[in-house]
Amino acid sequence: MKINEYLKEKTKTLTSEEREERYKYLGKEVVDVGEPGLDSIAEFYGIAHAIWDDWKDGRIDTKTALRRLSLLKLLSFKGKNKKIQDIDDEDLEEVRKFIDYVRQVIKNEGRRHGEKIEEE
């Protein structure tokens, strides 16, 4: 079997509802500003706040919140997100500091509630 045939066979085409469900925050809880996708400082802050709020309200557990924040931080690097090439490096560094702050608050509160949190 050729690789192209295998990929077509194994690749799932998502319906518009399934595609919409994949995005947890952008376009739902956080307004997607400008071009589609994560491409502005306001969106980074908005998503970090939405994750924090979901964790505080008990909609997601500590582990899930930390994973989502890790992914958000990863996407704040220009090598991982081509849509943020025009954003100033200092602004992106401030976003990363805020994400780290939220992660630390969630870790500390999780430990205070007796959750076992593994260091990355």
PDB file of N, CA and C in Angstrom:
ATOM      1  N   MET A   1       0.850  -1.179   0.000  1.00  0.00           N
ATOM      2  CA  MET A   1       0.000   0.000   0.000  1.00  0.00           C
ATOM      3  C   MET A   1       0.895   1.242   0.000  1.00  0.00           C
ATOM      4  N   LYS A   2       0.574   2.171  -0.849  1.00  0.00           N
ATOM      5  CA  LYS A   2       1.347   3.403  -0.931  1.00  0.00           C
ATOM      6  C   LYS A   2       1.004   4.315   0.241  1.00  0.00           C
ATOM      7  N   ILE A   3       1.920   5.169   0.563  1.00  0.00           N
ATOM      8  CA  ILE A   3       1.742   6.067   1.698  1.00  0.00           C
ATOM      9  C   ILE A   3       0.524   6.963   1.504  1.00  0.00           C
ATOM     10  N   ASN A   4       0.347   7.513   0.302  1.00  0.00           N
ATOM     11  CA  ASN A   4      -0.795   8.400   0.055  1.00  0.00           C
ATOM     12  C   ASN A   4      -2.118   7.681   0.274  1.00  0.00           C
ATOM     13  N   GLU A   5      -2.211   6.445  -0.185  1.00  0.00           N
ATOM     14  CA  GLU A   5      -3.437   5.665   0.004  1.00  0.00           C
ATOM     15  C   GLU A   5      -3.675   5.402   1.489  1.00  0.00           C
ATOM     16  N   TYR A   6      -2.609   5.055   2.203  1.00  0.00           N
ATOM     17  CA  TYR A   6      -2.716   4.786   3.630  1.00  0.00           C
ATOM     18  C   TYR A   6      -3.202   6.027   4.378  1.00  0.00           C
ATOM     19  N   LEU A   7      -2.618   7.179   4.061  1.00  0.00           N
ATOM     20  CA  LEU A   7      -3.010   8.418   4.724  1.00  0.00           C
ATOM     21  C   LEU A   7      -4.466   8.770   4.444  1.00  0.00           C
ATOM     22  N   LYS A   8      -4.905   8.605   3.201  1.00  0.00           N
ATOM     23  CA  LYS A   8      -6.306   8.894   2.870  1.00  0.00           C
ATOM     24  C   LYS A   8      -7.244   7.975   3.626  1.00  0.00           C
ATOM     25  N   GLU A   9      -6.832   6.723   3.761  1.00  0.00           N
ATOM     26  CA  GLU A   9      -7.653   5.738   4.456  1.00  0.00           C
ATOM     27  C   GLU A   9      -7.738   6.041   5.954  1.00  0.00           C
ATOM     28  N   LYS A  10      -6.626   6.472   6.544  1.00  0.00           N
ATOM     29  CA  LYS A  10      -6.562   6.689   7.991  1.00  0.00           C
ATOM     30  C   LYS A  10      -6.934   8.104   8.424  1.00  0.00           C
ATOM     31  N   THR A  11      -6.941   9.042   7.490  1.00  0.00           N
ATOM     32  CA  THR A  11      -7.241  10.425   7.829  1.00  0.00           C
ATOM     33  C   THR A  11      -8.745  10.624   7.914  1.00  0.00           C
ATOM     34  N   LYS A  12      -9.162  11.253   8.982  1.00  0.00           N
ATOM     35  CA  LYS A  12     -10.579  11.510   9.174  1.00  0.00           C
ATOM     36  C   LYS A  12     -10.889  12.937   8.744  1.00  0.00           C
ATOM     37  N   THR A  13     -11.911  13.088   7.932  1.00  0.00           N
ATOM     38  CA  THR A  13     -12.371  14.408   7.545  1.00  0.00           C
ATOM     39  C   THR A  13     -13.407  14.848   8.565  1.00  0.00           C
ATOM     40  N   LEU A  14     -13.158  15.992   9.162  1.00  0.00           N
ATOM     41  CA  LEU A  14     -14.047  16.482  10.216  1.00  0.00           C
ATOM     42  C   LEU A  14     -15.210  17.268   9.631  1.00  0.00           C
ATOM     43  N   THR A  15     -16.371  17.091  10.218  1.00  0.00           N
ATOM     44  CA  THR A  15     -17.512  17.914   9.845  1.00  0.00           C
ATOM     45  C   THR A  15     -17.301  19.296  10.463  1.00  0.00           C
ATOM     46  N   SER A  16     -18.112  20.252  10.042  1.00  0.00           N
ATOM     47  CA  SER A  16     -17.947  21.599  10.594  1.00  0.00           C
ATOM     48  C   SER A  16     -18.228  21.618  12.093  1.00  0.00           C
ATOM     49  N   GLU A  17     -19.162  20.774  12.563  1.00  0.00           N
ATOM     50  CA  GLU A  17     -19.450  20.700  13.995  1.00  0.00           C
ATOM     51  C   GLU A  17     -18.261  20.128  14.758  1.00  0.00           C
ATOM     52  N   GLU A  18     -17.640  19.075  14.208  1.00  0.00           N
ATOM     53  CA  GLU A  18     -16.472  18.472  14.861  1.00  0.00           C
ATOM     54  C   GLU A  18     -15.303  19.445  14.873  1.00  0.00           C
ATOM     55  N   ARG A  19     -15.122  20.169  13.787  1.00  0.00           N
ATOM     56  CA  ARG A  19     -14.037  21.132  13.704  1.00  0.00           C
ATOM     57  C   ARG A  19     -14.252  22.245  14.723  1.00  0.00           C
ATOM     58  N   GLU A  20     -15.495  22.704  14.860  1.00  0.00           N
ATOM     59  CA  GLU A  20     -15.835  23.747  15.827  1.00  0.00           C
ATOM     60  C   GLU A  20     -15.571  23.274  17.250  1.00  0.00           C
ATOM     61  N   GLU A  21     -15.869  22.006  17.532  1.00  0.00           N
ATOM     62  CA  GLU A  21     -15.696  21.452  18.871  1.00  0.00           C
ATOM     63  C   GLU A  21     -14.216  21.342  19.253  1.00  0.00           C
ATOM     64  N   ARG A  22     -13.329  21.246  18.271  1.00  0.00           N
ATOM     65  CA  ARG A  22     -11.902  21.111  18.555  1.00  0.00           C
ATOM     66  C   ARG A  22     -11.333  22.357  19.223  1.00  0.00           C
ATOM     67  N   TYR A  23     -11.875  23.511  18.903  1.00  0.00           N
ATOM     68  CA  TYR A  23     -11.363  24.747  19.471  1.00  0.00           C
ATOM     69  C   TYR A  23     -12.061  25.013  20.792  1.00  0.00           C
ATOM     70  N   LYS A  24     -11.289  25.016  21.864  1.00  0.00           N
ATOM     71  CA  LYS A  24     -11.874  25.127  23.199  1.00  0.00           C
ATOM     72  C   LYS A  24     -12.217  26.566  23.572  1.00  0.00           C
ATOM     73  N   TYR A  25     -11.391  27.523  23.187  1.00  0.00           N
ATOM     74  CA  TYR A  25     -11.563  28.886  23.661  1.00  0.00           C
ATOM     75  C   TYR A  25     -11.707  29.911  22.549  1.00  0.00           C
ATOM     76  N   LEU A  26     -10.814  29.875  21.572  1.00  0.00           N
ATOM     77  CA  LEU A  26     -10.788  30.914  20.547  1.00  0.00           C
ATOM     78  C   LEU A  26     -12.061  30.856  19.705  1.00  0.00           C
ATOM     79  N   GLY A  27     -12.776  31.942  19.686  1.00  0.00           N
ATOM     80  CA  GLY A  27     -14.025  32.001  18.943  1.00  0.00           C
ATOM     81  C   GLY A  27     -15.235  31.634  19.790  1.00  0.00           C
ATOM     82  N   LYS A  28     -15.007  31.090  20.969  1.00  0.00           N
ATOM     83  CA  LYS A  28     -16.114  30.740  21.869  1.00  0.00           C
ATOM     84  C   LYS A  28     -16.087  31.667  23.069  1.00  0.00           C
ATOM     85  N   GLU A  29     -15.097  31.473  23.945  1.00  0.00           N
ATOM     86  CA  GLU A  29     -14.995  32.311  25.142  1.00  0.00           C
ATOM     87  C   GLU A  29     -14.142  33.545  24.886  1.00  0.00           C
ATOM     88  N   VAL A  30     -13.255  33.451  23.902  1.00  0.00           N
ATOM     89  CA  VAL A  30     -12.348  34.548  23.583  1.00  0.00           C
ATOM     90  C   VAL A  30     -12.621  34.980  22.143  1.00  0.00           C
ATOM     91  N   VAL A  31     -12.835  36.271  21.939  1.00  0.00           N
ATOM     92  CA  VAL A  31     -13.115  36.780  20.603  1.00  0.00           C
ATOM     93  C   VAL A  31     -11.878  36.611  19.728  1.00  0.00           C
ATOM     94  N   ASP A  32     -12.070  36.033  18.553  1.00  0.00           N
ATOM     95  CA  ASP A  32     -10.978  35.859  17.595  1.00  0.00           C
ATOM     96  C   ASP A  32     -10.805  37.177  16.848  1.00  0.00           C
ATOM     97  N   VAL A  33      -9.733  37.908  17.173  1.00  0.00           N
ATOM     98  CA  VAL A  33      -9.488  39.224  16.613  1.00  0.00           C
ATOM     99  C   VAL A  33      -8.658  39.081  15.339  1.00  0.00           C
ATOM    100  N   GLY A  34      -8.946  39.887  14.344  1.00  0.00           N
ATOM    101  CA  GLY A  34      -8.150  39.878  13.118  1.00  0.00           C
ATOM    102  C   GLY A  34      -8.328  38.590  12.326  1.00  0.00           C
ATOM    103  N   GLU A  35      -7.216  38.059  11.840  1.00  0.00           N
ATOM    104  CA  GLU A  35      -7.232  36.831  11.052  1.00  0.00           C
ATOM    105  C   GLU A  35      -7.673  35.649  11.917  1.00  0.00           C
ATOM    106  N   PRO A  36      -8.220  34.614  11.298  1.00  0.00           N
ATOM    107  CA  PRO A  36      -8.577  33.414  12.070  1.00  0.00           C
ATOM    108  C   PRO A  36      -7.335  32.794  12.716  1.00  0.00           C
ATOM    109  N   GLY A  37      -7.482  32.317  13.924  1.00  0.00           N
ATOM    110  CA  GLY A  37      -6.373  31.665  14.613  1.00  0.00           C
ATOM    111  C   GLY A  37      -5.745  32.544  15.678  1.00  0.00           C
ATOM    112  N   LEU A  38      -4.822  31.957  16.393  1.00  0.00           N
ATOM    113  CA  LEU A  38      -4.147  32.615  17.516  1.00  0.00           C
ATOM    114  C   LEU A  38      -3.051  33.522  16.976  1.00  0.00           C
ATOM    115  N   ASP A  39      -3.378  34.821  16.845  1.00  0.00           N
ATOM    116  CA  ASP A  39      -2.436  35.722  16.198  1.00  0.00           C
ATOM    117  C   ASP A  39      -2.327  37.101  16.846  1.00  0.00           C
ATOM    118  N   SER A  40      -2.854  37.259  18.076  1.00  0.00           N
ATOM    119  CA  SER A  40      -2.732  38.559  18.734  1.00  0.00           C
ATOM    120  C   SER A  40      -2.486  38.382  20.231  1.00  0.00           C
ATOM    121  N   ILE A  41      -1.890  39.396  20.817  1.00  0.00           N
ATOM    122  CA  ILE A  41      -1.585  39.382  22.247  1.00  0.00           C
ATOM    123  C   ILE A  41      -2.878  39.258  23.061  1.00  0.00           C
ATOM    124  N   ALA A  42      -3.916  39.960  22.654  1.00  0.00           N
ATOM    125  CA  ALA A  42      -5.194  39.910  23.382  1.00  0.00           C
ATOM    126  C   ALA A  42      -5.746  38.492  23.424  1.00  0.00           C
ATOM    127  N   GLU A  43      -5.567  37.736  22.354  1.00  0.00           N
ATOM    128  CA  GLU A  43      -6.062  36.363  22.327  1.00  0.00           C
ATOM    129  C   GLU A  43      -5.290  35.477  23.295  1.00  0.00           C
ATOM    130  N   PHE A  44      -3.980  35.673  23.391  1.00  0.00           N
ATOM    131  CA  PHE A  44      -3.176  34.895  24.343  1.00  0.00           C
ATOM    132  C   PHE A  44      -3.652  35.151  25.773  1.00  0.00           C
ATOM    133  N   TYR A  45      -3.788  36.431  26.132  1.00  0.00           N
ATOM    134  CA  TYR A  45      -4.249  36.771  27.477  1.00  0.00           C
ATOM    135  C   TYR A  45      -5.663  36.255  27.726  1.00  0.00           C
ATOM    136  N   GLY A  46      -6.532  36.403  26.734  1.00  0.00           N
ATOM    137  CA  GLY A  46      -7.911  35.954  26.884  1.00  0.00           C
ATOM    138  C   GLY A  46      -8.010  34.457  27.111  1.00  0.00           C
ATOM    139  N   ILE A  47      -7.235  33.683  26.364  1.00  0.00           N
ATOM    140  CA  ILE A  47      -7.263  32.233  26.523  1.00  0.00           C
ATOM    141  C   ILE A  47      -6.687  31.827  27.876  1.00  0.00           C
ATOM    142  N   ALA A  48      -5.595  32.474  28.292  1.00  0.00           N
ATOM    143  CA  ALA A  48      -5.013  32.161  29.604  1.00  0.00           C
ATOM    144  C   ALA A  48      -6.041  32.431  30.711  1.00  0.00           C
ATOM    145  N   HIS A  49      -6.749  33.559  30.621  1.00  0.00           N
ATOM    146  CA  HIS A  49      -7.786  33.866  31.611  1.00  0.00           C
ATOM    147  C   HIS A  49      -8.927  32.860  31.549  1.00  0.00           C
ATOM    148  N   ALA A  50      -9.316  32.450  30.346  1.00  0.00           N
ATOM    149  CA  ALA A  50     -10.416  31.490  30.203  1.00  0.00           C
ATOM    150  C   ALA A  50     -10.042  30.135  30.809  1.00  0.00           C
ATOM    151  N   ILE A  51      -8.801  29.708  30.605  1.00  0.00           N
ATOM    152  CA  ILE A  51      -8.333  28.449  31.204  1.00  0.00           C
ATOM    153  C   ILE A  51      -8.356  28.571  32.724  1.00  0.00           C
ATOM    154  N   TRP A  52      -7.857  29.685  33.228  1.00  0.00           N
ATOM    155  CA  TRP A  52      -7.824  29.930  34.670  1.00  0.00           C
ATOM    156  C   TRP A  52      -9.246  29.913  35.239  1.00  0.00           C
ATOM    157  N   ASP A  53     -10.168  30.599  34.574  1.00  0.00           N
ATOM    158  CA  ASP A  53     -11.564  30.623  35.031  1.00  0.00           C
ATOM    159  C   ASP A  53     -12.186  29.231  35.003  1.00  0.00           C
ATOM    160  N   ASP A  54     -11.938  28.476  33.932  1.00  0.00           N
ATOM    161  CA  ASP A  54     -12.486  27.117  33.849  1.00  0.00           C
ATOM    162  C   ASP A  54     -11.957  26.254  34.990  1.00  0.00           C
ATOM    163  N   TRP A  55     -10.688  26.428  35.323  1.00  0.00           N
ATOM    164  CA  TRP A  55     -10.095  25.655  36.424  1.00  0.00           C
ATOM    165  C   TRP A  55     -10.720  26.082  37.764  1.00  0.00           C
ATOM    166  N   LYS A  56     -10.842  27.397  37.983  1.00  0.00           N
ATOM    167  CA  LYS A  56     -11.417  27.885  39.242  1.00  0.00           C
ATOM    168  C   LYS A  56     -12.855  27.419  39.421  1.00  0.00           C
ATOM    169  N   ASP A  57     -13.598  27.363  38.320  1.00  0.00           N
ATOM    170  CA  ASP A  57     -15.007  26.957  38.377  1.00  0.00           C
ATOM    171  C   ASP A  57     -15.182  25.440  38.376  1.00  0.00           C
ATOM    172  N   GLY A  58     -14.090  24.696  38.295  1.00  0.00           N
ATOM    173  CA  GLY A  58     -14.158  23.243  38.349  1.00  0.00           C
ATOM    174  C   GLY A  58     -14.555  22.568  37.045  1.00  0.00           C
ATOM    175  N   ARG A  59     -14.549  23.312  35.937  1.00  0.00           N
ATOM    176  CA  ARG A  59     -14.905  22.703  34.650  1.00  0.00           C
ATOM    177  C   ARG A  59     -13.776  21.840  34.098  1.00  0.00           C
ATOM    178  N   ILE A  60     -12.530  22.144  34.485  1.00  0.00           N
ATOM    179  CA  ILE A  60     -11.383  21.320  34.094  1.00  0.00           C
ATOM    180  C   ILE A  60     -10.535  21.073  35.331  1.00  0.00           C
ATOM    181  N   ASP A  61      -9.823  19.951  35.346  1.00  0.00           N
ATOM    182  CA  ASP A  61      -8.978  19.655  36.505  1.00  0.00           C
ATOM    183  C   ASP A  61      -7.615  20.342  36.360  1.00  0.00           C
ATOM    184  N   THR A  62      -6.817  20.233  37.393  1.00  0.00           N
ATOM    185  CA  THR A  62      -5.522  20.910  37.431  1.00  0.00           C
ATOM    186  C   THR A  62      -4.609  20.435  36.313  1.00  0.00           C
ATOM    187  N   LYS A  63      -4.555  19.144  36.114  1.00  0.00           N
ATOM    188  CA  LYS A  63      -3.680  18.582  35.083  1.00  0.00           C
ATOM    189  C   LYS A  63      -4.045  19.107  33.691  1.00  0.00           C
ATOM    190  N   THR A  64      -5.331  19.157  33.398  1.00  0.00           N
ATOM    191  CA  THR A  64      -5.797  19.664  32.106  1.00  0.00           C
ATOM    192  C   THR A  64      -5.457  21.140  31.946  1.00  0.00           C
ATOM    193  N   ALA A  65      -5.665  21.919  32.991  1.00  0.00           N
ATOM    194  CA  ALA A  65      -5.359  23.354  32.936  1.00  0.00           C
ATOM    195  C   ALA A  65      -3.873  23.572  32.669  1.00  0.00           C
ATOM    196  N   LEU A  66      -3.024  22.815  33.360  1.00  0.00           N
ATOM    197  CA  LEU A  66      -1.581  22.972  33.173  1.00  0.00           C
ATOM    198  C   LEU A  66      -1.156  22.566  31.767  1.00  0.00           C
ATOM    199  N   ARG A  67      -1.763  21.513  31.242  1.00  0.00           N
ATOM    200  CA  ARG A  67      -1.448  21.090  29.863  1.00  0.00           C
ATOM    201  C   ARG A  67      -1.853  22.160  28.857  1.00  0.00           C
ATOM    202  N   ARG A  68      -3.039  22.701  29.033  1.00  0.00           N
ATOM    203  CA  ARG A  68      -3.506  23.727  28.096  1.00  0.00           C
ATOM    204  C   ARG A  68      -2.642  24.978  28.168  1.00  0.00           C
ATOM    205  N   LEU A  69      -2.224  25.352  29.365  1.00  0.00           N
ATOM    206  CA  LEU A  69      -1.345  26.514  29.505  1.00  0.00           C
ATOM    207  C   LEU A  69       0.029  26.243  28.899  1.00  0.00           C
ATOM    208  N   SER A  70       0.511  25.010  29.010  1.00  0.00           N
ATOM    209  CA  SER A  70       1.794  24.655  28.395  1.00  0.00           C
ATOM    210  C   SER A  70       1.716  24.785  26.876  1.00  0.00           C
ATOM    211  N   LEU A  71       0.624  24.317  26.307  1.00  0.00           N
ATOM    212  CA  LEU A  71       0.438  24.433  24.861  1.00  0.00           C
ATOM    213  C   LEU A  71       0.328  25.896  24.456  1.00  0.00           C
ATOM    214  N   LEU A  72      -0.401  26.682  25.229  1.00  0.00           N
ATOM    215  CA  LEU A  72      -0.529  28.110  24.936  1.00  0.00           C
ATOM    216  C   LEU A  72       0.836  28.783  24.957  1.00  0.00           C
ATOM    217  N   LYS A  73       1.658  28.448  25.950  1.00  0.00           N
ATOM    218  CA  LYS A  73       2.993  29.031  26.024  1.00  0.00           C
ATOM    219  C   LYS A  73       3.827  28.605  24.821  1.00  0.00           C
ATOM    220  N   LEU A  74       3.732  27.353  24.440  1.00  0.00           N
ATOM    221  CA  LEU A  74       4.469  26.860  23.279  1.00  0.00           C
ATOM    222  C   LEU A  74       4.088  27.649  22.028  1.00  0.00           C
ATOM    223  N   LEU A  75       2.809  27.955  21.883  1.00  0.00           N
ATOM    224  CA  LEU A  75       2.340  28.698  20.718  1.00  0.00           C
ATOM    225  C   LEU A  75       2.735  30.175  20.758  1.00  0.00           C
ATOM    226  N   SER A  76       3.315  30.626  21.862  1.00  0.00           N
ATOM    227  CA  SER A  76       3.770  32.016  21.941  1.00  0.00           C
ATOM    228  C   SER A  76       5.183  32.188  21.391  1.00  0.00           C
ATOM    229  N   PHE A  77       5.764  31.112  20.889  1.00  0.00           N
ATOM    230  CA  PHE A  77       7.087  31.187  20.266  1.00  0.00           C
ATOM    231  C   PHE A  77       6.928  31.261  18.753  1.00  0.00           C
ATOM    232  N   LYS A  78       7.651  32.166  18.125  1.00  0.00           N
ATOM    233  CA  LYS A  78       7.505  32.401  16.697  1.00  0.00           C
ATOM    234  C   LYS A  78       7.835  31.169  15.855  1.00  0.00           C
ATOM    235  N   GLY A  79       8.695  30.314  16.333  1.00  0.00           N
ATOM    236  CA  GLY A  79       9.037  29.106  15.591  1.00  0.00           C
ATOM    237  C   GLY A  79       7.906  28.094  15.580  1.00  0.00           C
ATOM    238  N   LYS A  80       6.987  28.187  16.519  1.00  0.00           N
ATOM    239  CA  LYS A  80       5.863  27.252  16.628  1.00  0.00           C
ATOM    240  C   LYS A  80       4.552  27.822  16.112  1.00  0.00           C
ATOM    241  N   ASN A  81       4.490  29.130  15.908  1.00  0.00           N
ATOM    242  CA  ASN A  81       3.251  29.773  15.477  1.00  0.00           C
ATOM    243  C   ASN A  81       3.604  30.851  14.451  1.00  0.00           C
ATOM    244  N   LYS A  82       3.433  30.542  13.203  1.00  0.00           N
ATOM    245  CA  LYS A  82       3.808  31.454  12.114  1.00  0.00           C
ATOM    246  C   LYS A  82       2.935  32.708  12.069  1.00  0.00           C
ATOM    247  N   LYS A  83       1.796  32.682  12.727  1.00  0.00           N
ATOM    248  CA  LYS A  83       0.876  33.819  12.671  1.00  0.00           C
ATOM    249  C   LYS A  83       1.314  34.983  13.557  1.00  0.00           C
ATOM    250  N   ILE A  84       2.318  34.779  14.405  1.00  0.00           N
ATOM    251  CA  ILE A  84       2.715  35.838  15.339  1.00  0.00           C
ATOM    252  C   ILE A  84       4.055  36.467  14.970  1.00  0.00           C
ATOM    253  N   GLN A  85       4.468  36.323  13.720  1.00  0.00           N
ATOM    254  CA  GLN A  85       5.767  36.842  13.287  1.00  0.00           C
ATOM    255  C   GLN A  85       5.886  38.354  13.459  1.00  0.00           C
ATOM    256  N   ASP A  86       4.775  39.079  13.341  1.00  0.00           N
ATOM    257  CA  ASP A  86       4.805  40.545  13.415  1.00  0.00           C
ATOM    258  C   ASP A  86       4.692  41.090  14.832  1.00  0.00           C
ATOM    259  N   ILE A  87       4.461  40.222  15.814  1.00  0.00           N
ATOM    260  CA  ILE A  87       4.314  40.683  17.201  1.00  0.00           C
ATOM    261  C   ILE A  87       5.700  40.867  17.807  1.00  0.00           C
ATOM    262  N   ASP A  88       5.840  41.937  18.559  1.00  0.00           N
ATOM    263  CA  ASP A  88       7.105  42.290  19.209  1.00  0.00           C
ATOM    264  C   ASP A  88       7.544  41.195  20.188  1.00  0.00           C
ATOM    265  N   ASP A  89       8.832  40.867  20.200  1.00  0.00           N
ATOM    266  CA  ASP A  89       9.362  39.830  21.089  1.00  0.00           C
ATOM    267  C   ASP A  89       9.137  40.163  22.559  1.00  0.00           C
ATOM    268  N   GLU A  90       9.231  41.457  22.914  1.00  0.00           N
ATOM    269  CA  GLU A  90       9.020  41.856  24.309  1.00  0.00           C
ATOM    270  C   GLU A  90       7.579  41.589  24.741  1.00  0.00           C
ATOM    271  N   ASP A  91       6.638  41.823  23.849  1.00  0.00           N
ATOM    272  CA  ASP A  91       5.228  41.552  24.155  1.00  0.00           C
ATOM    273  C   ASP A  91       4.996  40.062  24.352  1.00  0.00           C
ATOM    274  N   LEU A  92       5.611  39.252  23.512  1.00  0.00           N
ATOM    275  CA  LEU A  92       5.472  37.805  23.643  1.00  0.00           C
ATOM    276  C   LEU A  92       6.102  37.304  24.933  1.00  0.00           C
ATOM    277  N   GLU A  93       7.199  37.919  25.333  1.00  0.00           N
ATOM    278  CA  GLU A  93       7.843  37.526  26.584  1.00  0.00           C
ATOM    279  C   GLU A  93       6.949  37.864  27.775  1.00  0.00           C
ATOM    280  N   GLU A  94       6.257  39.012  27.712  1.00  0.00           N
ATOM    281  CA  GLU A  94       5.304  39.376  28.766  1.00  0.00           C
ATOM    282  C   GLU A  94       4.161  38.364  28.838  1.00  0.00           C
ATOM    283  N   VAL A  95       3.680  37.908  27.679  1.00  0.00           N
ATOM    284  CA  VAL A  95       2.629  36.890  27.640  1.00  0.00           C
ATOM    285  C   VAL A  95       3.127  35.616  28.308  1.00  0.00           C
ATOM    286  N   ARG A  96       4.352  35.199  27.996  1.00  0.00           N
ATOM    287  CA  ARG A  96       4.918  33.977  28.587  1.00  0.00           C
ATOM    288  C   ARG A  96       5.044  34.108  30.098  1.00  0.00           C
ATOM    289  N   LYS A  97       5.431  35.286  30.571  1.00  0.00           N
ATOM    290  CA  LYS A  97       5.528  35.513  32.020  1.00  0.00           C
ATOM    291  C   LYS A  97       4.155  35.392  32.672  1.00  0.00           C
ATOM    292  N   PHE A  98       3.125  35.932  32.016  1.00  0.00           N
ATOM    293  CA  PHE A  98       1.778  35.835  32.561  1.00  0.00           C
ATOM    294  C   PHE A  98       1.307  34.381  32.585  1.00  0.00           C
ATOM    295  N   ILE A  99       1.577  33.647  31.512  1.00  0.00           N
ATOM    296  CA  ILE A  99       1.193  32.230  31.461  1.00  0.00           C
ATOM    297  C   ILE A  99       1.907  31.463  32.568  1.00  0.00           C
ATOM    298  N   ASP A 100       3.196  31.749  32.780  1.00  0.00           N
ATOM    299  CA  ASP A 100       3.943  31.097  33.860  1.00  0.00           C
ATOM    300  C   ASP A 100       3.339  31.434  35.223  1.00  0.00           C
ATOM    301  N   TYR A 101       2.919  32.686  35.387  1.00  0.00           N
ATOM    302  CA  TYR A 101       2.285  33.096  36.642  1.00  0.00           C
ATOM    303  C   TYR A 101       1.003  32.300  36.884  1.00  0.00           C
ATOM    304  N   VAL A 102       0.151  32.205  35.857  1.00  0.00           N
ATOM    305  CA  VAL A 102      -1.114  31.462  35.994  1.00  0.00           C
ATOM    306  C   VAL A 102      -0.823  29.996  36.297  1.00  0.00           C
ATOM    307  N   ARG A 103       0.156  29.425  35.622  1.00  0.00           N
ATOM    308  CA  ARG A 103       0.537  28.026  35.869  1.00  0.00           C
ATOM    309  C   ARG A 103       0.960  27.840  37.324  1.00  0.00           C
ATOM    310  N   GLN A 104       1.750  28.764  37.843  1.00  0.00           N
ATOM    311  CA  GLN A 104       2.238  28.649  39.218  1.00  0.00           C
ATOM    312  C   GLN A 104       1.093  28.763  40.222  1.00  0.00           C
ATOM    313  N   VAL A 105       0.176  29.674  39.976  1.00  0.00           N
ATOM    314  CA  VAL A 105      -0.984  29.815  40.865  1.00  0.00           C
ATOM    315  C   VAL A 105      -1.795  28.525  40.878  1.00  0.00           C
ATOM    316  N   ILE A 106      -2.038  27.963  39.704  1.00  0.00           N
ATOM    317  CA  ILE A 106      -2.833  26.728  39.620  1.00  0.00           C
ATOM    318  C   ILE A 106      -2.096  25.572  40.295  1.00  0.00           C
ATOM    319  N   LYS A 107      -0.786  25.477  40.085  1.00  0.00           N
ATOM    320  CA  LYS A 107      -0.001  24.420  40.739  1.00  0.00           C
ATOM    321  C   LYS A 107      -0.080  24.544  42.254  1.00  0.00           C
ATOM    322  N   ASN A 108       0.129  25.757  42.756  1.00  0.00           N
ATOM    323  CA  ASN A 108       0.123  25.969  44.206  1.00  0.00           C
ATOM    324  C   ASN A 108      -1.243  25.662  44.809  1.00  0.00           C
ATOM    325  N   GLU A 109      -2.300  26.121  44.163  1.00  0.00           N
ATOM    326  CA  GLU A 109      -3.647  25.850  44.661  1.00  0.00           C
ATOM    327  C   GLU A 109      -3.968  24.364  44.579  1.00  0.00           C
ATOM    328  N   GLY A 110      -3.525  23.719  43.515  1.00  0.00           N
ATOM    329  CA  GLY A 110      -3.751  22.285  43.372  1.00  0.00           C
ATOM    330  C   GLY A 110      -3.068  21.507  44.488  1.00  0.00           C
ATOM    331  N   ARG A 111      -1.831  21.884  44.793  1.00  0.00           N
ATOM    332  CA  ARG A 111      -1.099  21.233  45.895  1.00  0.00           C
ATOM    333  C   ARG A 111      -1.796  21.484  47.225  1.00  0.00           C
ATOM    334  N   ARG A 112      -2.292  22.704  47.391  1.00  0.00           N
ATOM    335  CA  ARG A 112      -2.972  23.055  48.630  1.00  0.00           C
ATOM    336  C   ARG A 112      -4.224  22.202  48.829  1.00  0.00           C
ATOM    337  N   HIS A 113      -4.830  21.786  47.727  1.00  0.00           N
ATOM    338  CA  HIS A 113      -6.024  20.937  47.797  1.00  0.00           C
ATOM    339  C   HIS A 113      -5.664  19.454  47.787  1.00  0.00           C
ATOM    340  N   GLY A 114      -4.374  19.153  47.914  1.00  0.00           N
ATOM    341  CA  GLY A 114      -3.951  17.764  48.031  1.00  0.00           C
ATOM    342  C   GLY A 114      -3.734  17.034  46.717  1.00  0.00           C
ATOM    343  N   GLU A 115      -3.734  17.743  45.592  1.00  0.00           N
ATOM    344  CA  GLU A 115      -3.487  17.085  44.312  1.00  0.00           C
ATOM    345  C   GLU A 115      -1.993  16.846  44.130  1.00  0.00           C
ATOM    346  N   LYS A 116      -1.680  15.707  43.554  1.00  0.00           N
ATOM    347  CA  LYS A 116      -0.283  15.402  43.251  1.00  0.00           C
ATOM    348  C   LYS A 116       0.036  15.976  41.879  1.00  0.00           C
ATOM    349  N   ILE A 117       0.978  16.898  41.848  1.00  0.00           N
ATOM    350  CA  ILE A 117       1.321  17.580  40.600  1.00  0.00           C
ATOM    351  C   ILE A 117       2.777  17.285  40.283  1.00  0.00           C
ATOM    352  N   GLU A 118       2.988  16.698  39.113  1.00  0.00           N
ATOM    353  CA  GLU A 118       4.354  16.343  38.685  1.00  0.00           C
ATOM    354  C   GLU A 118       4.993  17.559  38.032  1.00  0.00           C
ATOM    355  N   GLU A 119       6.256  17.746  38.337  1.00  0.00           N
ATOM    356  CA  GLU A 119       7.020  18.831  37.708  1.00  0.00           C
ATOM    357  C   GLU A 119       7.400  18.429  36.303  1.00  0.00           C
ATOM    358  N   GLU A 120       7.402  19.397  35.404  1.00  0.00           N
ATOM    359  CA  GLU A 120       7.747  19.099  34.004  1.00  0.00           C
ATOM    360  C   GLU A 120       9.216  19.267  33.769  1.00  0.00           C
TER     361      GLU A 120
END
